PDB file of N, CA and C in Angstrom:
ATOM      1  N   UNK A   1     -49.863  48.081 -44.813  1.00  0.00           N
ATOM      2  CA  UNK A   1     -50.115  47.995 -43.390  1.00  0.00           C
ATOM      3  C   UNK A   1     -49.684  49.299 -42.739  1.00  0.00           C
ATOM      4  N   UNK A   2     -50.617  49.997 -42.139  1.00  0.00           N
ATOM      5  CA  UNK A   2     -50.286  51.243 -41.461  1.00  0.00           C
ATOM      6  C   UNK A   2     -50.598  51.106 -39.979  1.00  0.00           C
ATOM      7  N   UNK A   3     -49.674  51.565 -39.181  1.00  0.00           N
ATOM      8  CA  UNK A   3     -49.834  51.534 -37.739  1.00  0.00           C
ATOM      9  C   UNK A   3     -49.581  52.926 -37.203  1.00  0.00           C
ATOM     10  N   UNK A   4     -50.527  53.450 -36.452  1.00  0.00           N
ATOM     11  CA  UNK A   4     -50.367  54.759 -35.829  1.00  0.00           C
ATOM     12  C   UNK A   4     -49.678  54.571 -34.484  1.00  0.00           C
ATOM     13  N   UNK A   5     -48.708  55.420 -34.223  1.00  0.00           N
ATOM     14  CA  UNK A   5     -48.021  55.417 -32.942  1.00  0.00           C
ATOM     15  C   UNK A   5     -48.507  56.630 -32.166  1.00  0.00           C
ATOM     16  N   UNK A   6     -48.963  56.397 -30.955  1.00  0.00           N
ATOM     17  CA  UNK A   6     -49.450  57.508 -30.142  1.00  0.00           C
ATOM     18  C   UNK A   6     -48.375  57.930 -29.143  1.00  0.00           C
ATOM     19  N   UNK A   7     -48.487  59.156 -28.678  1.00  0.00           N
ATOM     20  CA  UNK A   7     -47.551  59.647 -27.671  1.00  0.00           C
ATOM     21  C   UNK A   7     -47.668  58.826 -26.391  1.00  0.00           C
ATOM     22  N   UNK A   8     -48.869  58.398 -26.074  1.00  0.00           N
ATOM     23  CA  UNK A   8     -49.090  57.580 -24.878  1.00  0.00           C
ATOM     24  C   UNK A   8     -48.324  56.258 -24.975  1.00  0.00           C
ATOM     25  N   UNK A   9     -48.336  55.646 -26.152  1.00  0.00           N
ATOM     26  CA  UNK A   9     -47.603  54.389 -26.357  1.00  0.00           C
ATOM     27  C   UNK A   9     -46.098  54.604 -26.248  1.00  0.00           C
ATOM     28  N   UNK A  10     -45.614  55.724 -26.782  1.00  0.00           N
ATOM     29  CA  UNK A  10     -44.187  56.019 -26.687  1.00  0.00           C
ATOM     30  C   UNK A  10     -43.760  56.201 -25.238  1.00  0.00           C
ATOM     31  N   UNK A  11     -44.575  56.908 -24.460  1.00  0.00           N
ATOM     32  CA  UNK A  11     -44.262  57.106 -23.039  1.00  0.00           C
ATOM     33  C   UNK A  11     -44.274  55.777 -22.301  1.00  0.00           C
ATOM     34  N   UNK A  12     -45.282  54.953 -22.536  1.00  0.00           N
ATOM     35  CA  UNK A  12     -45.369  53.666 -21.828  1.00  0.00           C
ATOM     36  C   UNK A  12     -44.226  52.733 -22.224  1.00  0.00           C
ATOM     37  N   UNK A  13     -43.680  52.906 -23.421  1.00  0.00           N
ATOM     38  CA  UNK A  13     -42.539  52.103 -23.861  1.00  0.00           C
ATOM     39  C   UNK A  13     -41.214  52.656 -23.342  1.00  0.00           C
ATOM     40  N   UNK A  14     -41.252  53.837 -22.723  1.00  0.00           N
ATOM     41  CA  UNK A  14     -40.018  54.436 -22.201  1.00  0.00           C
ATOM     42  C   UNK A  14     -39.170  55.092 -23.268  1.00  0.00           C
ATOM     43  N   UNK A  15     -39.783  55.429 -24.390  1.00  0.00           N
ATOM     44  CA  UNK A  15     -39.029  56.009 -25.510  1.00  0.00           C
ATOM     45  C   UNK A  15     -38.525  57.414 -25.214  1.00  0.00           C
ATOM     46  N   UNK A  16     -38.991  58.009 -24.141  1.00  0.00           N
ATOM     47  CA  UNK A  16     -38.594  59.377 -23.825  1.00  0.00           C
ATOM     48  C   UNK A  16     -37.289  59.451 -23.038  1.00  0.00           C
ATOM     49  N   UNK A  17     -36.788  58.331 -22.539  1.00  0.00           N
ATOM     50  CA  UNK A  17     -35.558  58.346 -21.753  1.00  0.00           C
ATOM     51  C   UNK A  17     -34.331  58.307 -22.650  1.00  0.00           C
ATOM     52  N   UNK A  18     -33.414  59.245 -22.410  1.00  0.00           N
ATOM     53  CA  UNK A  18     -32.162  59.294 -23.159  1.00  0.00           C
ATOM     54  C   UNK A  18     -31.007  58.828 -22.293  1.00  0.00           C
ATOM     55  N   UNK A  19     -29.819  59.289 -22.644  1.00  0.00           N
ATOM     56  CA  UNK A  19     -28.615  58.949 -21.890  1.00  0.00           C
ATOM     57  C   UNK A  19     -28.422  59.899 -20.724  1.00  0.00           C
ATOM     58  N   UNK A  20     -27.439  59.584 -19.902  1.00  0.00           N
ATOM     59  CA  UNK A  20     -27.067  60.493 -18.827  1.00  0.00           C
ATOM     60  C   UNK A  20     -26.633  61.819 -19.432  1.00  0.00           C
ATOM     61  N   UNK A  21     -26.911  62.891 -18.712  1.00  0.00           N
ATOM     62  CA  UNK A  21     -26.608  64.232 -19.206  1.00  0.00           C
ATOM     63  C   UNK A  21     -25.127  64.377 -19.541  1.00  0.00           C
ATOM     64  N   UNK A  22     -24.264  63.779 -18.748  1.00  0.00           N
ATOM     65  CA  UNK A  22     -22.822  63.931 -18.980  1.00  0.00           C
ATOM     66  C   UNK A  22     -22.328  63.152 -20.201  1.00  0.00           C
ATOM     67  N   UNK A  23     -23.157  62.276 -20.766  1.00  0.00           N
ATOM     68  CA  UNK A  23     -22.740  61.463 -21.915  1.00  0.00           C
ATOM     69  C   UNK A  23     -23.468  61.831 -23.197  1.00  0.00           C
ATOM     70  N   UNK A  24     -24.009  63.012 -23.271  1.00  0.00           N
ATOM     71  CA  UNK A  24     -24.851  63.388 -24.401  1.00  0.00           C
ATOM     72  C   UNK A  24     -24.035  63.787 -25.623  1.00  0.00           C
ATOM     73  N   UNK A  25     -24.692  63.734 -26.768  1.00  0.00           N
ATOM     74  CA  UNK A  25     -24.105  64.187 -28.025  1.00  0.00           C
ATOM     75  C   UNK A  25     -24.784  65.509 -28.385  1.00  0.00           C
ATOM     76  N   UNK A  26     -24.016  66.592 -28.536  1.00  0.00           N
ATOM     77  CA  UNK A  26     -24.612  67.897 -28.840  1.00  0.00           C
ATOM     78  C   UNK A  26     -25.493  67.911 -30.092  1.00  0.00           C
ATOM     79  N   UNK A  27     -25.284  66.994 -31.021  1.00  0.00           N
ATOM     80  CA  UNK A  27     -26.118  66.940 -32.221  1.00  0.00           C
ATOM     81  C   UNK A  27     -27.560  66.544 -31.892  1.00  0.00           C
ATOM     82  N   UNK A  28     -27.774  66.007 -30.709  1.00  0.00           N
ATOM     83  CA  UNK A  28     -29.117  65.601 -30.290  1.00  0.00           C
ATOM     84  C   UNK A  28     -29.898  66.734 -29.634  1.00  0.00           C
ATOM     85  N   UNK A  29     -29.287  67.893 -29.453  1.00  0.00           N
ATOM     86  CA  UNK A  29     -29.926  69.021 -28.752  1.00  0.00           C
ATOM     87  C   UNK A  29     -31.322  69.365 -29.280  1.00  0.00           C
ATOM     88  N   UNK A  30     -31.558  69.370 -30.597  1.00  0.00           N
ATOM     89  CA  UNK A  30     -32.906  69.717 -31.071  1.00  0.00           C
ATOM     90  C   UNK A  30     -33.989  68.718 -30.651  1.00  0.00           C
ATOM     91  N   UNK A  31     -33.596  67.534 -30.250  1.00  0.00           N
ATOM     92  CA  UNK A  31     -34.550  66.481 -29.922  1.00  0.00           C
ATOM     93  C   UNK A  31     -34.726  66.275 -28.417  1.00  0.00           C
ATOM     94  N   UNK A  32     -34.022  67.067 -27.619  1.00  0.00           N
ATOM     95  CA  UNK A  32     -34.089  66.919 -26.172  1.00  0.00           C
ATOM     96  C   UNK A  32     -35.094  67.909 -25.602  1.00  0.00           C
ATOM     97  N   UNK A  33     -36.040  67.388 -24.849  1.00  0.00           N
ATOM     98  CA  UNK A  33     -37.096  68.200 -24.240  1.00  0.00           C
ATOM     99  C   UNK A  33     -36.609  68.818 -22.932  1.00  0.00           C
ATOM    100  N   UNK A  34     -35.877  68.040 -22.169  1.00  0.00           N
ATOM    101  CA  UNK A  34     -35.402  68.530 -20.879  1.00  0.00           C
ATOM    102  C   UNK A  34     -34.542  67.495 -20.185  1.00  0.00           C
ATOM    103  N   UNK A  35     -34.429  67.659 -18.872  1.00  0.00           N
ATOM    104  CA  UNK A  35     -33.584  66.776 -18.076  1.00  0.00           C
ATOM    105  C   UNK A  35     -34.294  66.467 -16.766  1.00  0.00           C
ATOM    106  N   UNK A  36     -34.154  65.223 -16.323  1.00  0.00           N
ATOM    107  CA  UNK A  36     -34.699  64.845 -15.023  1.00  0.00           C
ATOM    108  C   UNK A  36     -33.789  63.805 -14.394  1.00  0.00           C
ATOM    109  N   UNK A  37     -33.392  64.060 -13.173  1.00  0.00           N
ATOM    110  CA  UNK A  37     -32.538  63.139 -12.416  1.00  0.00           C
ATOM    111  C   UNK A  37     -31.278  62.753 -13.183  1.00  0.00           C
ATOM    112  N   UNK A  38     -30.676  63.712 -13.879  1.00  0.00           N
ATOM    113  CA  UNK A  38     -29.421  63.469 -14.586  1.00  0.00           C
ATOM    114  C   UNK A  38     -29.560  62.731 -15.904  1.00  0.00           C
ATOM    115  N   UNK A  39     -30.794  62.596 -16.404  1.00  0.00           N
ATOM    116  CA  UNK A  39     -31.036  61.896 -17.673  1.00  0.00           C
ATOM    117  C   UNK A  39     -31.788  62.833 -18.608  1.00  0.00           C
ATOM    118  N   UNK A  40     -31.364  62.867 -19.862  1.00  0.00           N
ATOM    119  CA  UNK A  40     -32.087  63.672 -20.842  1.00  0.00           C
ATOM    120  C   UNK A  40     -33.425  63.019 -21.173  1.00  0.00           C
ATOM    121  N   UNK A  41     -34.419  63.865 -21.412  1.00  0.00           N
ATOM    122  CA  UNK A  41     -35.753  63.414 -21.798  1.00  0.00           C
ATOM    123  C   UNK A  41     -35.978  63.864 -23.236  1.00  0.00           C
ATOM    124  N   UNK A  42     -36.288  62.915 -24.107  1.00  0.00           N
ATOM    125  CA  UNK A  42     -36.511  63.238 -25.512  1.00  0.00           C
ATOM    126  C   UNK A  42     -37.861  63.908 -25.722  1.00  0.00           C
ATOM    127  N   UNK A  43     -37.928  64.765 -26.717  1.00  0.00           N
ATOM    128  CA  UNK A  43     -39.177  65.400 -27.134  1.00  0.00           C
ATOM    129  C   UNK A  43     -39.934  64.383 -27.982  1.00  0.00           C
ATOM    130  N   UNK A  44     -40.977  63.803 -27.423  1.00  0.00           N
ATOM    131  CA  UNK A  44     -41.678  62.717 -28.106  1.00  0.00           C
ATOM    132  C   UNK A  44     -42.487  63.180 -29.308  1.00  0.00           C
ATOM    133  N   UNK A  45     -42.836  64.451 -29.377  1.00  0.00           N
ATOM    134  CA  UNK A  45     -43.525  64.919 -30.583  1.00  0.00           C
ATOM    135  C   UNK A  45     -42.573  64.862 -31.767  1.00  0.00           C
ATOM    136  N   UNK A  46     -41.311  65.209 -31.537  1.00  0.00           N
ATOM    137  CA  UNK A  46     -40.320  65.118 -32.617  1.00  0.00           C
ATOM    138  C   UNK A  46     -39.988  63.665 -32.924  1.00  0.00           C
ATOM    139  N   UNK A  47     -39.937  62.837 -31.889  1.00  0.00           N
ATOM    140  CA  UNK A  47     -39.689  61.409 -32.095  1.00  0.00           C
ATOM    141  C   UNK A  47     -40.790  60.807 -32.960  1.00  0.00           C
ATOM    142  N   UNK A  48     -42.039  61.157 -32.647  1.00  0.00           N
ATOM    143  CA  UNK A  48     -43.179  60.644 -33.418  1.00  0.00           C
ATOM    144  C   UNK A  48     -43.108  61.109 -34.867  1.00  0.00           C
ATOM    145  N   UNK A  49     -42.750  62.374 -35.092  1.00  0.00           N
ATOM    146  CA  UNK A  49     -42.612  62.894 -36.462  1.00  0.00           C
ATOM    147  C   UNK A  49     -41.576  62.099 -37.240  1.00  0.00           C
ATOM    148  N   UNK A  50     -40.428  61.836 -36.619  1.00  0.00           N
ATOM    149  CA  UNK A  50     -39.356  61.105 -37.303  1.00  0.00           C
ATOM    150  C   UNK A  50     -39.757  59.658 -37.578  1.00  0.00           C
ATOM    151  N   UNK A  51     -40.478  59.036 -36.657  1.00  0.00           N
ATOM    152  CA  UNK A  51     -40.960  57.675 -36.900  1.00  0.00           C
ATOM    153  C   UNK A  51     -41.916  57.637 -38.087  1.00  0.00           C
ATOM    154  N   UNK A  52     -42.792  58.633 -38.164  1.00  0.00           N
ATOM    155  CA  UNK A  52     -43.732  58.693 -39.285  1.00  0.00           C
ATOM    156  C   UNK A  52     -43.004  58.966 -40.602  1.00  0.00           C
ATOM    157  N   UNK A  53     -41.967  59.806 -40.567  1.00  0.00           N
ATOM    158  CA  UNK A  53     -41.157  60.046 -41.769  1.00  0.00           C
ATOM    159  C   UNK A  53     -40.516  58.752 -42.245  1.00  0.00           C
ATOM    160  N   UNK A  54     -39.941  57.992 -41.323  1.00  0.00           N
ATOM    161  CA  UNK A  54     -39.283  56.741 -41.682  1.00  0.00           C
ATOM    162  C   UNK A  54     -40.282  55.718 -42.203  1.00  0.00           C
ATOM    163  N   UNK A  55     -41.478  55.742 -41.664  1.00  0.00           N
ATOM    164  CA  UNK A  55     -42.522  54.827 -42.138  1.00  0.00           C
ATOM    165  C   UNK A  55     -42.867  55.130 -43.595  1.00  0.00           C
ATOM    166  N   UNK A  56     -42.959  56.424 -43.932  1.00  0.00           N
ATOM    167  CA  UNK A  56     -43.253  56.812 -45.323  1.00  0.00           C
ATOM    168  C   UNK A  56     -42.116  56.401 -46.260  1.00  0.00           C
ATOM    169  N   UNK A  57     -40.882  56.567 -45.826  1.00  0.00           N
ATOM    170  CA  UNK A  57     -39.734  56.177 -46.651  1.00  0.00           C
ATOM    171  C   UNK A  57     -39.753  54.672 -46.873  1.00  0.00           C
ATOM    172  N   UNK A  58     -40.004  53.922 -45.812  1.00  0.00           N
ATOM    173  CA  UNK A  58     -40.030  52.465 -45.921  1.00  0.00           C
ATOM    174  C   UNK A  58     -41.139  52.002 -46.859  1.00  0.00           C
ATOM    175  N   UNK A  59     -42.297  52.634 -46.788  1.00  0.00           N
ATOM    176  CA  UNK A  59     -43.405  52.260 -47.665  1.00  0.00           C
ATOM    177  C   UNK A  59     -43.074  52.552 -49.123  1.00  0.00           C
ATOM    178  N   UNK A  60     -42.307  53.598 -49.360  1.00  0.00           N
ATOM    179  CA  UNK A  60     -41.916  53.953 -50.718  1.00  0.00           C
ATOM    180  C   UNK A  60     -41.060  52.853 -51.340  1.00  0.00           C
ATOM    181  N   UNK A  61     -40.164  52.263 -50.544  1.00  0.00           N
ATOM    182  CA  UNK A  61     -39.241  51.268 -51.074  1.00  0.00           C
ATOM    183  C   UNK A  61     -39.787  49.844 -51.043  1.00  0.00           C
ATOM    184  N   UNK A  62     -40.857  49.615 -50.311  1.00  0.00           N
ATOM    185  CA  UNK A  62     -41.390  48.242 -50.232  1.00  0.00           C
ATOM    186  C   UNK A  62     -42.547  48.037 -51.143  1.00  0.00           C
TER     187      UNK A  62
END
């Protein structure tokens, strides 16, 4: 079973919203696109890549 995740679906699900800027973890810096209203915004292209990587790993073990 393969399911494609689109950037549009990620945005509509709110997957781009992170934590407040003052509560961030510096290890997340490569995945942060920017900031709006004191909240970090995730880079959804990187999020999509990581989801697809995890899907491949899961398929390998199942």
